[in-house]
Amino acid sequence: MSDENAKYWYNLETHAVEQGYASPAIDRAGPFDTAEEAARAPEILRERSKQWAEDDARDANWGADGATR
């Protein structure tokens, strides 16, 4: 098991990269393995959110074309 206190986090309030649990959980995104990855957190979160929305839309439309298994 990895030590998450050694991981990097993106502070959503200050927009700073932090190592360990420097800020309250509600203000942190992560963990990330590197400071560089944490610095890209807003971009990474947007990409993941877009993918989740596409997956949800695909799931919601499953079988909508009338095809059966």
N, C-alpha and C. Protein backbone atom coordinates (compact mmCIF):
# COMPACT_ATOMS: atom_id res chain seq x y z
N MET A 1 0.84 -1.18 0.00
CA MET A 1 0.00 0.00 0.00
C MET A 1 0.88 1.24 0.00
N SER A 2 0.55 2.21 -0.83
CA SER A 2 1.36 3.40 -0.94
C SER A 2 1.05 4.38 0.18
N ASP A 3 1.99 5.24 0.46
CA ASP A 3 1.83 6.26 1.48
C ASP A 3 1.25 7.51 0.82
N GLU A 4 -0.06 7.72 0.98
CA GLU A 4 -0.70 8.87 0.33
C GLU A 4 -0.21 10.20 0.87
N ASN A 5 0.39 10.22 2.04
CA ASN A 5 0.94 11.45 2.57
C ASN A 5 2.15 11.91 1.75
N ALA A 6 2.74 10.99 0.99
CA ALA A 6 3.87 11.33 0.12
C ALA A 6 3.39 11.68 -1.28
N LYS A 7 2.11 11.55 -1.54
CA LYS A 7 1.55 11.86 -2.85
C LYS A 7 1.32 13.36 -2.97
N TYR A 8 0.94 13.79 -4.17
CA TYR A 8 0.71 15.21 -4.46
C TYR A 8 -0.79 15.44 -4.67
N TRP A 9 -1.22 16.62 -4.28
CA TRP A 9 -2.62 17.00 -4.36
C TRP A 9 -2.71 18.38 -4.99
N TYR A 10 -3.83 18.65 -5.63
CA TYR A 10 -4.10 19.96 -6.19
C TYR A 10 -5.13 20.64 -5.30
N ASN A 11 -4.79 21.81 -4.78
CA ASN A 11 -5.70 22.54 -3.92
C ASN A 11 -6.67 23.33 -4.80
N LEU A 12 -7.94 23.00 -4.70
CA LEU A 12 -8.97 23.61 -5.54
C LEU A 12 -9.25 25.07 -5.17
N GLU A 13 -8.90 25.47 -3.97
CA GLU A 13 -9.11 26.85 -3.52
C GLU A 13 -7.94 27.76 -3.91
N THR A 14 -6.73 27.30 -3.64
CA THR A 14 -5.55 28.14 -3.88
C THR A 14 -4.90 27.87 -5.23
N HIS A 15 -5.28 26.76 -5.87
CA HIS A 15 -4.72 26.33 -7.16
C HIS A 15 -3.23 25.99 -7.05
N ALA A 16 -2.83 25.59 -5.85
CA ALA A 16 -1.44 25.22 -5.61
C ALA A 16 -1.31 23.70 -5.52
N VAL A 17 -0.14 23.21 -5.86
CA VAL A 17 0.19 21.80 -5.69
C VAL A 17 0.74 21.64 -4.27
N GLU A 18 0.25 20.62 -3.59
CA GLU A 18 0.69 20.35 -2.22
C GLU A 18 1.11 18.89 -2.10
N GLN A 19 2.01 18.64 -1.20
CA GLN A 19 2.40 17.26 -0.92
C GLN A 19 1.82 16.88 0.43
N GLY A 20 1.18 15.73 0.45
CA GLY A 20 0.57 15.26 1.69
C GLY A 20 -0.75 15.94 1.96
N TYR A 21 -1.21 15.78 3.19
CA TYR A 21 -2.51 16.29 3.60
C TYR A 21 -2.41 17.69 4.19
N ALA A 22 -1.93 18.64 3.41
CA ALA A 22 -1.73 20.01 3.89
C ALA A 22 -3.04 20.78 4.03
N SER A 23 -4.04 20.41 3.25
CA SER A 23 -5.31 21.13 3.24
C SER A 23 -6.46 20.19 3.58
N PRO A 24 -7.61 20.74 3.96
CA PRO A 24 -8.78 19.90 4.20
C PRO A 24 -9.16 19.10 2.95
N ALA A 25 -9.70 17.92 3.15
CA ALA A 25 -10.03 17.03 2.03
C ALA A 25 -10.96 17.70 1.03
N ILE A 26 -11.88 18.51 1.48
CA ILE A 26 -12.84 19.14 0.57
C ILE A 26 -12.15 20.08 -0.43
N ASP A 27 -10.97 20.56 -0.09
CA ASP A 27 -10.24 21.48 -0.96
C ASP A 27 -9.22 20.80 -1.85
N ARG A 28 -9.08 19.46 -1.75
CA ARG A 28 -8.03 18.74 -2.47
C ARG A 28 -8.58 17.87 -3.58
N ALA A 29 -7.83 17.80 -4.69
CA ALA A 29 -8.08 16.82 -5.75
C ALA A 29 -6.83 15.96 -5.84
N GLY A 30 -7.03 14.67 -5.95
CA GLY A 30 -5.90 13.78 -6.03
C GLY A 30 -6.21 12.48 -5.32
N PRO A 31 -5.24 11.70 -5.06
CA PRO A 31 -3.81 12.00 -5.13
C PRO A 31 -3.22 11.77 -6.52
N PHE A 32 -2.09 12.39 -6.73
CA PHE A 32 -1.32 12.24 -7.95
C PHE A 32 0.07 11.77 -7.57
N ASP A 33 0.71 11.05 -8.48
CA ASP A 33 2.04 10.49 -8.20
C ASP A 33 3.14 11.53 -8.27
N THR A 34 2.97 12.56 -9.11
CA THR A 34 4.01 13.57 -9.27
C THR A 34 3.42 14.96 -9.11
N ALA A 35 4.28 15.92 -8.81
CA ALA A 35 3.84 17.31 -8.71
C ALA A 35 3.37 17.82 -10.07
N GLU A 36 4.03 17.36 -11.13
CA GLU A 36 3.66 17.79 -12.48
C GLU A 36 2.24 17.33 -12.83
N GLU A 37 1.94 16.10 -12.47
CA GLU A 37 0.60 15.56 -12.72
C GLU A 37 -0.44 16.34 -11.90
N ALA A 38 -0.12 16.63 -10.66
CA ALA A 38 -1.04 17.40 -9.81
C ALA A 38 -1.27 18.79 -10.39
N ALA A 39 -0.25 19.39 -10.96
CA ALA A 39 -0.40 20.72 -11.56
C ALA A 39 -1.36 20.70 -12.74
N ARG A 40 -1.49 19.55 -13.38
CA ARG A 40 -2.41 19.39 -14.52
C ARG A 40 -3.81 18.96 -14.07
N ALA A 41 -4.07 18.96 -12.77
CA ALA A 41 -5.33 18.45 -12.22
C ALA A 41 -6.57 19.05 -12.90
N PRO A 42 -6.66 20.36 -13.09
CA PRO A 42 -7.88 20.87 -13.75
C PRO A 42 -8.11 20.25 -15.13
N GLU A 43 -7.05 20.11 -15.90
CA GLU A 43 -7.16 19.49 -17.23
C GLU A 43 -7.55 18.02 -17.12
N ILE A 44 -6.91 17.31 -16.21
CA ILE A 44 -7.20 15.89 -16.01
C ILE A 44 -8.64 15.70 -15.57
N LEU A 45 -9.10 16.54 -14.64
CA LEU A 45 -10.48 16.44 -14.16
C LEU A 45 -11.48 16.71 -15.27
N ARG A 46 -11.19 17.70 -16.12
CA ARG A 46 -12.08 17.98 -17.27
C ARG A 46 -12.15 16.78 -18.21
N GLU A 47 -10.98 16.18 -18.51
CA GLU A 47 -10.93 15.02 -19.40
C GLU A 47 -11.73 13.85 -18.82
N ARG A 48 -11.54 13.59 -17.54
CA ARG A 48 -12.26 12.47 -16.90
C ARG A 48 -13.75 12.74 -16.84
N SER A 49 -14.12 13.97 -16.55
CA SER A 49 -15.53 14.33 -16.49
C SER A 49 -16.20 14.15 -17.85
N LYS A 50 -15.50 14.56 -18.90
CA LYS A 50 -16.03 14.41 -20.26
C LYS A 50 -16.22 12.93 -20.58
N GLN A 51 -15.23 12.10 -20.23
CA GLN A 51 -15.32 10.67 -20.49
C GLN A 51 -16.47 10.05 -19.71
N TRP A 52 -16.63 10.44 -18.44
CA TRP A 52 -17.73 9.90 -17.63
C TRP A 52 -19.09 10.29 -18.23
N ALA A 53 -19.20 11.53 -18.70
CA ALA A 53 -20.46 11.99 -19.30
C ALA A 53 -20.76 11.19 -20.56
N GLU A 54 -19.73 10.94 -21.38
CA GLU A 54 -19.92 10.14 -22.59
C GLU A 54 -20.33 8.71 -22.24
N ASP A 55 -19.69 8.15 -21.22
CA ASP A 55 -20.04 6.79 -20.79
C ASP A 55 -21.47 6.74 -20.27
N ASP A 56 -21.85 7.74 -19.47
CA ASP A 56 -23.22 7.79 -18.94
C ASP A 56 -24.24 7.91 -20.06
N ALA A 57 -23.96 8.75 -21.05
CA ALA A 57 -24.87 8.93 -22.17
C ALA A 57 -25.00 7.63 -22.96
N ARG A 58 -23.89 6.95 -23.17
CA ARG A 58 -23.90 5.67 -23.89
C ARG A 58 -24.71 4.64 -23.11
N ASP A 59 -24.52 4.60 -21.79
CA ASP A 59 -25.28 3.67 -20.95
C ASP A 59 -26.76 3.99 -20.96
N ALA A 60 -27.10 5.28 -20.93
CA ALA A 60 -28.50 5.70 -20.91
C ALA A 60 -29.20 5.35 -22.21
N ASN A 61 -28.44 5.31 -23.30
CA ASN A 61 -29.02 5.03 -24.61
C ASN A 61 -28.89 3.57 -25.02
N TRP A 62 -28.36 2.74 -24.14
CA TRP A 62 -28.18 1.34 -24.48
C TRP A 62 -29.53 0.71 -24.82
N GLY A 63 -29.60 0.09 -25.96
CA GLY A 63 -30.81 -0.57 -26.40
C GLY A 63 -31.85 0.35 -26.98
N ALA A 64 -31.56 1.65 -27.06
CA ALA A 64 -32.52 2.64 -27.56
C ALA A 64 -32.82 2.44 -29.03
N ASP A 65 -31.93 1.79 -29.75
CA ASP A 65 -32.14 1.60 -31.18
C ASP A 65 -33.05 0.41 -31.48
N GLY A 66 -33.56 -0.23 -30.45
CA GLY A 66 -34.48 -1.35 -30.63
C GLY A 66 -33.80 -2.68 -30.78
N ALA A 67 -32.47 -2.68 -30.83
CA ALA A 67 -31.75 -3.93 -30.97
C ALA A 67 -31.81 -4.72 -29.65
N THR A 68 -31.87 -6.00 -29.78
CA THR A 68 -31.87 -6.86 -28.60
C THR A 68 -30.62 -7.70 -28.62
N ARG A 69 -30.32 -8.30 -27.53
CA ARG A 69 -29.13 -9.15 -27.44
C ARG A 69 -29.28 -10.41 -28.18
